[in-house]
């Protein structure tokens, strides 16, 4: 049983770079972007929110690529 747990932990570390927290952040940032677009108001505050959400999404994707290709 202990060996199986160690194997799972090794696979998670050496896996494809995805993790539950990373995936949750990606979903949150994409949802934030979508909500700004769906809302349809593009005043200065909305554009700044879209910029922040876009930067967060790009950061998440870059983080993923960094883990894939160290």
PDB file of N, CA and C in Angstrom:
ATOM      1  N   UNK A   1       0.822  -1.188   0.000  1.00  0.00           N
ATOM      2  CA  UNK A   1       0.000   0.000   0.000  1.00  0.00           C
ATOM      3  C   UNK A   1       0.868   1.254   0.000  1.00  0.00           C
ATOM      4  N   UNK A   2       1.927   1.268   0.806  1.00  0.00           N
ATOM      5  CA  UNK A   2       2.817   2.415   0.867  1.00  0.00           C
ATOM      6  C   UNK A   2       3.517   2.615  -0.473  1.00  0.00           C
ATOM      7  N   UNK A   3       3.923   1.531  -1.121  1.00  0.00           N
ATOM      8  CA  UNK A   3       4.588   1.643  -2.412  1.00  0.00           C
ATOM      9  C   UNK A   3       3.663   2.241  -3.449  1.00  0.00           C
ATOM     10  N   UNK A   4       2.386   1.896  -3.403  1.00  0.00           N
ATOM     11  CA  UNK A   4       1.428   2.445  -4.351  1.00  0.00           C
ATOM     12  C   UNK A   4       1.273   3.954  -4.139  1.00  0.00           C
ATOM     13  N   UNK A   5       1.244   4.380  -2.885  1.00  0.00           N
ATOM     14  CA  UNK A   5       1.129   5.802  -2.573  1.00  0.00           C
ATOM     15  C   UNK A   5       2.359   6.555  -3.091  1.00  0.00           C
ATOM     16  N   UNK A   6       3.540   5.974  -2.887  1.00  0.00           N
ATOM     17  CA  UNK A   6       4.764   6.599  -3.384  1.00  0.00           C
ATOM     18  C   UNK A   6       4.754   6.692  -4.903  1.00  0.00           C
ATOM     19  N   UNK A   7       4.267   5.671  -5.565  1.00  0.00           N
ATOM     20  CA  UNK A   7       4.198   5.664  -7.020  1.00  0.00           C
ATOM     21  C   UNK A   7       3.270   6.770  -7.518  1.00  0.00           C
ATOM     22  N   UNK A   8       2.121   6.921  -6.878  1.00  0.00           N
ATOM     23  CA  UNK A   8       1.170   7.968  -7.266  1.00  0.00           C
ATOM     24  C   UNK A   8       1.796   9.342  -7.078  1.00  0.00           C
ATOM     25  N   UNK A   9       2.520   9.545  -5.968  1.00  0.00           N
ATOM     26  CA  UNK A   9       3.164  10.820  -5.715  1.00  0.00           C
ATOM     27  C   UNK A   9       4.229  11.116  -6.772  1.00  0.00           C
ATOM     28  N   UNK A  10       4.992  10.107  -7.156  1.00  0.00           N
ATOM     29  CA  UNK A  10       6.010  10.301  -8.186  1.00  0.00           C
ATOM     30  C   UNK A  10       5.373  10.647  -9.522  1.00  0.00           C
ATOM     31  N   UNK A  11       4.273   9.978  -9.859  1.00  0.00           N
ATOM     32  CA  UNK A  11       3.595  10.256 -11.119  1.00  0.00           C
ATOM     33  C   UNK A  11       3.049  11.673 -11.141  1.00  0.00           C
ATOM     34  N   UNK A  12       2.542  12.141  -9.997  1.00  0.00           N
ATOM     35  CA  UNK A  12       2.006  13.490  -9.930  1.00  0.00           C
ATOM     36  C   UNK A  12       3.119  14.518 -10.110  1.00  0.00           C
ATOM     37  N   UNK A  13       4.299  14.267  -9.544  1.00  0.00           N
ATOM     38  CA  UNK A  13       5.420  15.187  -9.672  1.00  0.00           C
ATOM     39  C   UNK A  13       5.965  15.184 -11.098  1.00  0.00           C
ATOM     40  N   UNK A  14       6.062  14.012 -11.690  1.00  0.00           N
ATOM     41  CA  UNK A  14       6.657  13.886 -13.012  1.00  0.00           C
ATOM     42  C   UNK A  14       5.620  13.963 -14.121  1.00  0.00           C
ATOM     43  N   UNK A  15       4.400  14.235 -13.780  1.00  0.00           N
ATOM     44  CA  UNK A  15       3.310  14.237 -14.743  1.00  0.00           C
ATOM     45  C   UNK A  15       3.403  15.366 -15.748  1.00  0.00           C
ATOM     46  N   UNK A  16       2.280  15.769 -16.253  1.00  0.00           N
ATOM     47  CA  UNK A  16       2.243  16.744 -17.324  1.00  0.00           C
ATOM     48  C   UNK A  16       2.223  18.183 -16.823  1.00  0.00           C
ATOM     49  N   UNK A  17       2.480  18.423 -15.546  1.00  0.00           N
ATOM     50  CA  UNK A  17       2.564  19.776 -15.023  1.00  0.00           C
ATOM     51  C   UNK A  17       1.253  20.320 -14.500  1.00  0.00           C
ATOM     52  N   UNK A  18       0.170  19.617 -14.714  1.00  0.00           N
ATOM     53  CA  UNK A  18      -1.120  20.078 -14.221  1.00  0.00           C
ATOM     54  C   UNK A  18      -1.294  19.686 -12.758  1.00  0.00           C
ATOM     55  N   UNK A  19      -1.941  20.554 -12.023  1.00  0.00           N
ATOM     56  CA  UNK A  19      -2.284  20.249 -10.654  1.00  0.00           C
ATOM     57  C   UNK A  19      -3.681  20.806 -10.398  1.00  0.00           C
ATOM     58  N   UNK A  20      -4.304  20.352  -9.345  1.00  0.00           N
ATOM     59  CA  UNK A  20      -5.653  20.818  -9.021  1.00  0.00           C
ATOM     60  C   UNK A  20      -5.664  22.335  -8.779  1.00  0.00           C
ATOM     61  N   UNK A  21      -4.745  22.879  -7.958  1.00  0.00           N
ATOM     62  CA  UNK A  21      -4.756  24.336  -7.767  1.00  0.00           C
ATOM     63  C   UNK A  21      -4.542  25.104  -9.068  1.00  0.00           C
ATOM     64  N   UNK A  22      -3.635  24.604  -9.921  1.00  0.00           N
ATOM     65  CA  UNK A  22      -3.387  25.272 -11.196  1.00  0.00           C
ATOM     66  C   UNK A  22      -4.645  25.251 -12.060  1.00  0.00           C
ATOM     67  N   UNK A  23      -5.299  24.111 -12.122  1.00  0.00           N
ATOM     68  CA  UNK A  23      -6.512  23.986 -12.925  1.00  0.00           C
ATOM     69  C   UNK A  23      -7.620  24.900 -12.404  1.00  0.00           C
ATOM     70  N   UNK A  24      -7.768  24.988 -11.091  1.00  0.00           N
ATOM     71  CA  UNK A  24      -8.775  25.879 -10.493  1.00  0.00           C
ATOM     72  C   UNK A  24      -8.481  27.340 -10.831  1.00  0.00           C
ATOM     73  N   UNK A  25      -7.205  27.722 -10.790  1.00  0.00           N
ATOM     74  CA  UNK A  25      -6.843  29.096 -11.142  1.00  0.00           C
ATOM     75  C   UNK A  25      -7.131  29.382 -12.609  1.00  0.00           C
ATOM     76  N   UNK A  26      -6.854  28.415 -13.459  1.00  0.00           N
ATOM     77  CA  UNK A  26      -7.128  28.606 -14.876  1.00  0.00           C
ATOM     78  C   UNK A  26      -8.628  28.765 -15.129  1.00  0.00           C
ATOM     79  N   UNK A  27      -9.428  27.937 -14.494  1.00  0.00           N
ATOM     80  CA  UNK A  27     -10.889  28.046 -14.640  1.00  0.00           C
ATOM     81  C   UNK A  27     -11.373  29.399 -14.129  1.00  0.00           C
ATOM     82  N   UNK A  28     -10.841  29.840 -12.988  1.00  0.00           N
ATOM     83  CA  UNK A  28     -11.249  31.129 -12.418  1.00  0.00           C
ATOM     84  C   UNK A  28     -10.883  32.284 -13.349  1.00  0.00           C
ATOM     85  N   UNK A  29      -9.676  32.267 -13.880  1.00  0.00           N
ATOM     86  CA  UNK A  29      -9.249  33.372 -14.742  1.00  0.00           C
ATOM     87  C   UNK A  29     -10.032  33.393 -16.054  1.00  0.00           C
ATOM     88  N   UNK A  30     -10.285  32.217 -16.619  1.00  0.00           N
ATOM     89  CA  UNK A  30     -11.085  32.163 -17.854  1.00  0.00           C
ATOM     90  C   UNK A  30     -12.530  32.580 -17.607  1.00  0.00           C
ATOM     91  N   UNK A  31     -13.065  32.207 -16.463  1.00  0.00           N
ATOM     92  CA  UNK A  31     -14.431  32.609 -16.114  1.00  0.00           C
ATOM     93  C   UNK A  31     -14.521  34.115 -15.931  1.00  0.00           C
ATOM     94  N   UNK A  32     -13.506  34.701 -15.323  1.00  0.00           N
ATOM     95  CA  UNK A  32     -13.481  36.144 -15.125  1.00  0.00           C
ATOM     96  C   UNK A  32     -13.447  36.855 -16.474  1.00  0.00           C
ATOM     97  N   UNK A  33     -12.616  36.351 -17.391  1.00  0.00           N
ATOM     98  CA  UNK A  33     -12.566  36.935 -18.734  1.00  0.00           C
ATOM     99  C   UNK A  33     -13.923  36.819 -19.421  1.00  0.00           C
ATOM    100  N   UNK A  34     -14.521  35.640 -19.356  1.00  0.00           N
ATOM    101  CA  UNK A  34     -15.808  35.418 -20.013  1.00  0.00           C
ATOM    102  C   UNK A  34     -16.892  36.323 -19.429  1.00  0.00           C
ATOM    103  N   UNK A  35     -16.883  36.513 -18.110  1.00  0.00           N
ATOM    104  CA  UNK A  35     -17.923  37.341 -17.493  1.00  0.00           C
ATOM    105  C   UNK A  35     -17.832  38.789 -17.960  1.00  0.00           C
ATOM    106  N   UNK A  36     -16.616  39.295 -18.130  1.00  0.00           N
ATOM    107  CA  UNK A  36     -16.454  40.668 -18.614  1.00  0.00           C
ATOM    108  C   UNK A  36     -16.975  40.775 -20.046  1.00  0.00           C
ATOM    109  N   UNK A  37     -16.672  39.788 -20.868  1.00  0.00           N
ATOM    110  CA  UNK A  37     -17.109  39.810 -22.266  1.00  0.00           C
ATOM    111  C   UNK A  37     -18.626  39.650 -22.365  1.00  0.00           C
ATOM    112  N   UNK A  38     -19.179  38.724 -21.599  1.00  0.00           N
ATOM    113  CA  UNK A  38     -20.624  38.471 -21.651  1.00  0.00           C
ATOM    114  C   UNK A  38     -21.408  39.677 -21.133  1.00  0.00           C
ATOM    115  N   UNK A  39     -20.877  40.331 -20.105  1.00  0.00           N
ATOM    116  CA  UNK A  39     -21.548  41.498 -19.525  1.00  0.00           C
ATOM    117  C   UNK A  39     -21.705  42.577 -20.586  1.00  0.00           C
ATOM    118  N   UNK A  40     -20.710  42.744 -21.454  1.00  0.00           N
ATOM    119  CA  UNK A  40     -20.834  43.598 -22.618  1.00  0.00           C
ATOM    120  C   UNK A  40     -20.529  45.066 -22.406  1.00  0.00           C
ATOM    121  N   UNK A  41     -20.225  45.480 -21.208  1.00  0.00           N
ATOM    122  CA  UNK A  41     -19.885  46.882 -20.968  1.00  0.00           C
ATOM    123  C   UNK A  41     -18.372  47.007 -21.028  1.00  0.00           C
ATOM    124  N   UNK A  42     -17.893  47.911 -21.839  1.00  0.00           N
ATOM    125  CA  UNK A  42     -16.446  48.049 -21.995  1.00  0.00           C
ATOM    126  C   UNK A  42     -15.983  49.450 -21.626  1.00  0.00           C
ATOM    127  N   UNK A  43     -16.399  49.871 -20.449  1.00  0.00           N
ATOM    128  CA  UNK A  43     -15.902  51.138 -19.920  1.00  0.00           C
ATOM    129  C   UNK A  43     -14.503  50.879 -19.360  1.00  0.00           C
ATOM    130  N   UNK A  44     -13.868  51.915 -18.849  1.00  0.00           N
ATOM    131  CA  UNK A  44     -12.485  51.797 -18.401  1.00  0.00           C
ATOM    132  C   UNK A  44     -12.322  50.697 -17.342  1.00  0.00           C
ATOM    133  N   UNK A  45     -13.189  50.660 -16.351  1.00  0.00           N
ATOM    134  CA  UNK A  45     -13.094  49.645 -15.303  1.00  0.00           C
ATOM    135  C   UNK A  45     -13.238  48.237 -15.850  1.00  0.00           C
ATOM    136  N   UNK A  46     -14.134  48.059 -16.803  1.00  0.00           N
ATOM    137  CA  UNK A  46     -14.332  46.737 -17.410  1.00  0.00           C
ATOM    138  C   UNK A  46     -13.110  46.321 -18.226  1.00  0.00           C
ATOM    139  N   UNK A  47     -12.536  47.275 -18.938  1.00  0.00           N
ATOM    140  CA  UNK A  47     -11.338  46.969 -19.732  1.00  0.00           C
ATOM    141  C   UNK A  47     -10.167  46.601 -18.821  1.00  0.00           C
ATOM    142  N   UNK A  48     -10.062  47.289 -17.684  1.00  0.00           N
ATOM    143  CA  UNK A  48      -8.996  46.951 -16.740  1.00  0.00           C
ATOM    144  C   UNK A  48      -9.216  45.566 -16.137  1.00  0.00           C
ATOM    145  N   UNK A  49     -10.468  45.217 -15.863  1.00  0.00           N
ATOM    146  CA  UNK A  49     -10.751  43.867 -15.359  1.00  0.00           C
ATOM    147  C   UNK A  49     -10.412  42.820 -16.410  1.00  0.00           C
ATOM    148  N   UNK A  50     -10.735  43.098 -17.658  1.00  0.00           N
ATOM    149  CA  UNK A  50     -10.409  42.165 -18.737  1.00  0.00           C
ATOM    150  C   UNK A  50      -8.891  42.028 -18.880  1.00  0.00           C
ATOM    151  N   UNK A  51      -8.183  43.138 -18.747  1.00  0.00           N
ATOM    152  CA  UNK A  51      -6.724  43.095 -18.810  1.00  0.00           C
ATOM    153  C   UNK A  51      -6.156  42.251 -17.666  1.00  0.00           C
ATOM    154  N   UNK A  52      -6.670  42.439 -16.465  1.00  0.00           N
ATOM    155  CA  UNK A  52      -6.193  41.667 -15.302  1.00  0.00           C
ATOM    156  C   UNK A  52      -6.483  40.176 -15.485  1.00  0.00           C
ATOM    157  N   UNK A  53      -7.686  39.858 -15.934  1.00  0.00           N
ATOM    158  CA  UNK A  53      -8.050  38.453 -16.142  1.00  0.00           C
ATOM    159  C   UNK A  53      -7.189  37.828 -17.244  1.00  0.00           C
ATOM    160  N   UNK A  54      -6.918  38.586 -18.281  1.00  0.00           N
ATOM    161  CA  UNK A  54      -6.084  38.082 -19.380  1.00  0.00           C
ATOM    162  C   UNK A  54      -4.656  37.825 -18.904  1.00  0.00           C
ATOM    163  N   UNK A  55      -4.126  38.759 -18.103  1.00  0.00           N
ATOM    164  CA  UNK A  55      -2.773  38.586 -17.581  1.00  0.00           C
ATOM    165  C   UNK A  55      -2.699  37.366 -16.673  1.00  0.00           C
ATOM    166  N   UNK A  56      -3.727  37.156 -15.862  1.00  0.00           N
ATOM    167  CA  UNK A  56      -3.772  36.001 -14.971  1.00  0.00           C
ATOM    168  C   UNK A  56      -3.795  34.710 -15.786  1.00  0.00           C
ATOM    169  N   UNK A  57      -4.591  34.689 -16.853  1.00  0.00           N
ATOM    170  CA  UNK A  57      -4.688  33.502 -17.706  1.00  0.00           C
ATOM    171  C   UNK A  57      -3.349  33.213 -18.385  1.00  0.00           C
ATOM    172  N   UNK A  58      -2.722  34.246 -18.921  1.00  0.00           N
ATOM    173  CA  UNK A  58      -1.422  34.068 -19.580  1.00  0.00           C
ATOM    174  C   UNK A  58      -0.394  33.563 -18.568  1.00  0.00           C
ATOM    175  N   UNK A  59      -0.431  34.113 -17.361  1.00  0.00           N
ATOM    176  CA  UNK A  59       0.477  33.660 -16.312  1.00  0.00           C
ATOM    177  C   UNK A  59       0.275  32.185 -15.992  1.00  0.00           C
ATOM    178  N   UNK A  60      -0.978  31.747 -15.927  1.00  0.00           N
ATOM    179  CA  UNK A  60      -1.262  30.334 -15.665  1.00  0.00           C
ATOM    180  C   UNK A  60      -0.741  29.445 -16.786  1.00  0.00           C
ATOM    181  N   UNK A  61      -0.925  29.875 -18.006  1.00  0.00           N
ATOM    182  CA  UNK A  61      -0.468  29.077 -19.157  1.00  0.00           C
ATOM    183  C   UNK A  61       1.058  29.030 -19.190  1.00  0.00           C
ATOM    184  N   UNK A  62       1.713  30.168 -18.917  1.00  0.00           N
ATOM    185  CA  UNK A  62       3.175  30.191 -18.893  1.00  0.00           C
ATOM    186  C   UNK A  62       3.712  29.301 -17.775  1.00  0.00           C
ATOM    187  N   UNK A  63       3.040  29.305 -16.640  1.00  0.00           N
ATOM    188  CA  UNK A  63       3.434  28.450 -15.526  1.00  0.00           C
ATOM    189  C   UNK A  63       3.357  26.981 -15.927  1.00  0.00           C
ATOM    190  N   UNK A  64       2.303  26.627 -16.637  1.00  0.00           N
ATOM    191  CA  UNK A  64       2.134  25.250 -17.109  1.00  0.00           C
ATOM    192  C   UNK A  64       3.273  24.879 -18.077  1.00  0.00           C
ATOM    193  N   UNK A  65       3.556  25.770 -19.015  1.00  0.00           N
ATOM    194  CA  UNK A  65       4.609  25.483 -19.998  1.00  0.00           C
ATOM    195  C   UNK A  65       5.978  25.390 -19.325  1.00  0.00           C
ATOM    196  N   UNK A  66       6.193  26.209 -18.288  1.00  0.00           N
ATOM    197  CA  UNK A  66       7.452  26.141 -17.556  1.00  0.00           C
ATOM    198  C   UNK A  66       7.643  24.794 -16.886  1.00  0.00           C
ATOM    199  N   UNK A  67       6.544  24.234 -16.384  1.00  0.00           N
ATOM    200  CA  UNK A  67       6.634  22.909 -15.754  1.00  0.00           C
ATOM    201  C   UNK A  67       6.835  21.809 -16.784  1.00  0.00           C
ATOM    202  N   UNK A  68       6.255  22.002 -17.964  1.00  0.00           N
ATOM    203  CA  UNK A  68       6.414  20.993 -19.013  1.00  0.00           C
ATOM    204  C   UNK A  68       7.821  20.996 -19.604  1.00  0.00           C
ATOM    205  N   UNK A  69       8.338  22.202 -19.832  1.00  0.00           N
ATOM    206  CA  UNK A  69       9.658  22.356 -20.466  1.00  0.00           C
ATOM    207  C   UNK A  69      10.563  23.172 -19.568  1.00  0.00           C
ATOM    208  N   UNK A  70      11.104  22.549 -18.524  1.00  0.00           N
ATOM    209  CA  UNK A  70      11.958  23.302 -17.580  1.00  0.00           C
ATOM    210  C   UNK A  70      13.256  23.791 -18.183  1.00  0.00           C
TER     211      UNK A  70
END
